[in-house]
């Protein structure tokens, strides 16, 4: 089991950027897969991006070319770089490692 803490959310204008961080309580080296999910009001939680231990990445079609997922094993942290943000990216973003979840961080894209 691993505890996960997200940070980096906030309010940003359309077209802006944010970087989310997901800090793990232990080494992430052996974690087979980690991911970022989001849940907007009234909608189901959806996968945004995932990354395997072998650094294979996968993205939702809606964020391809704008978001980048990566992880720093030395810092036990996973990141989500989000560029060219749109209003429809507004949601609570959660990180996941195998079957564990963080508490979420709010991202609001609005002018």
Protein backbone atom coordinates (compact mmCIF):
# COMPACT_ATOMS: atom_id res chain seq x y z
CA UNK A 1 0.00 0.00 0.00
CA UNK A 2 1.18 3.53 -0.72
CA UNK A 3 -0.11 6.92 0.38
CA UNK A 4 -0.41 9.51 -2.35
CA UNK A 5 -0.63 13.28 -2.02
CA UNK A 6 -1.51 15.48 -4.99
CA UNK A 7 -0.58 19.13 -5.30
CA UNK A 8 -0.30 21.83 -7.93
CA UNK A 9 -3.95 22.44 -8.74
CA UNK A 10 -5.48 25.88 -8.90
CA UNK A 11 -7.21 28.45 -11.04
CA UNK A 12 -5.75 29.13 -14.48
CA UNK A 13 -6.95 30.98 -17.56
CA UNK A 14 -7.74 29.13 -20.79
CA UNK A 15 -4.52 28.47 -22.67
CA UNK A 16 -2.50 28.42 -19.49
CA UNK A 17 -0.43 25.67 -17.90
CA UNK A 18 -0.24 23.80 -14.62
CA UNK A 19 1.92 20.99 -13.33
CA UNK A 20 0.37 18.51 -10.93
CA UNK A 21 2.51 16.46 -8.58
CA UNK A 22 1.72 13.18 -6.87
CA UNK A 23 4.08 12.40 -4.01
CA UNK A 24 4.22 8.80 -2.80
CA UNK A 25 4.99 7.65 0.72
CA UNK A 26 7.43 5.03 -0.48
CA UNK A 27 9.49 4.13 -3.50
CA UNK A 28 7.55 4.04 -6.73
CA UNK A 29 10.20 2.00 -8.50
CA UNK A 30 8.29 -1.26 -8.12
CA UNK A 31 4.83 0.14 -8.82
CA UNK A 32 3.68 -1.38 -12.08
CA UNK A 33 1.37 1.40 -13.17
CA UNK A 34 0.45 4.90 -12.06
CA UNK A 35 -2.10 7.25 -13.47
CA UNK A 36 -3.96 10.51 -13.33
CA UNK A 37 -7.74 10.54 -13.33
CA UNK A 38 -10.22 13.38 -13.19
CA UNK A 39 -13.81 13.86 -12.22
CA UNK A 40 -15.87 16.84 -13.25
CA UNK A 41 -19.14 17.73 -11.48
CA UNK A 42 -21.91 15.38 -12.53
CA UNK A 43 -19.56 13.17 -14.52
CA UNK A 44 -17.85 9.86 -13.95
CA UNK A 45 -14.19 9.66 -13.05
CA UNK A 46 -12.12 9.19 -16.20
CA UNK A 47 -8.57 8.23 -16.99
CA UNK A 48 -6.45 11.16 -18.14
CA UNK A 49 -3.05 9.52 -18.49
CA UNK A 50 -1.12 6.53 -17.25
CA UNK A 51 2.49 5.41 -17.10
CA UNK A 52 3.96 2.00 -16.48
CA UNK A 53 7.15 1.00 -14.72
CA UNK A 54 8.67 0.67 -18.17
CA UNK A 55 7.65 4.28 -18.97
CA UNK A 56 4.97 3.29 -21.44
CA UNK A 57 2.43 6.10 -21.48
CA UNK A 58 -1.22 6.29 -22.45
CA UNK A 59 -3.42 9.37 -22.82
CA UNK A 60 -7.09 10.11 -23.20
CA UNK A 61 -7.81 11.42 -26.67
CA UNK A 62 -9.01 14.71 -25.21
CA UNK A 63 -5.58 15.53 -23.74
CA UNK A 64 -3.19 14.06 -26.31
CA UNK A 65 -0.62 16.62 -27.39
CA UNK A 66 -1.40 18.90 -24.44
CA UNK A 67 -0.65 16.82 -21.33
CA UNK A 68 2.49 14.90 -20.43
CA UNK A 69 2.78 12.30 -17.68
CA UNK A 70 6.13 11.37 -16.22
CA UNK A 71 7.61 10.13 -13.01
CA UNK A 72 10.78 10.77 -11.05
CA UNK A 73 11.71 7.60 -9.19
CA UNK A 74 14.42 9.38 -7.19
CA UNK A 75 11.79 11.75 -5.77
CA UNK A 76 9.02 9.13 -5.48
CA UNK A 77 6.82 11.53 -7.42
CA UNK A 78 4.66 11.40 -10.53
CA UNK A 79 3.78 14.52 -12.49
CA UNK A 80 1.22 15.71 -15.00
CA UNK A 81 2.28 18.68 -17.10
CA UNK A 82 -0.84 20.30 -18.50
CA UNK A 83 -0.53 22.87 -21.29
CA UNK A 84 -3.09 24.69 -23.43
CA UNK A 85 -5.71 24.18 -20.78
CA UNK A 86 -9.37 24.41 -21.72
CA UNK A 87 -12.49 25.03 -19.69
CA UNK A 88 -13.45 21.38 -20.15
CA UNK A 89 -10.31 20.34 -18.27
CA UNK A 90 -11.89 21.68 -15.10
CA UNK A 91 -12.17 18.82 -12.62
CA UNK A 92 -10.77 17.27 -9.49
CA UNK A 93 -7.62 15.41 -10.49
CA UNK A 94 -6.63 12.24 -8.66
CA UNK A 95 -3.48 10.20 -8.85
CA UNK A 96 -3.49 6.44 -8.57
CA UNK A 97 -0.82 3.83 -7.99
CA UNK A 98 -2.01 0.27 -8.49
CA UNK A 99 -5.11 0.23 -6.21
CA UNK A 100 -4.32 3.27 -4.07
CA UNK A 101 -5.66 6.80 -4.56
CA UNK A 102 -4.81 10.31 -3.49
CA UNK A 103 -7.30 12.81 -2.10
CA UNK A 104 -7.47 14.88 -5.27
CA UNK A 105 -6.57 18.41 -6.29
CA UNK A 106 -8.92 20.90 -7.92
CA UNK A 107 -8.10 22.32 -11.34
CA UNK A 108 -10.28 25.16 -12.56
CA UNK A 109 -9.82 26.65 -16.02
CA UNK A 110 -11.71 29.91 -16.34
CA UNK A 111 -11.26 33.47 -17.48
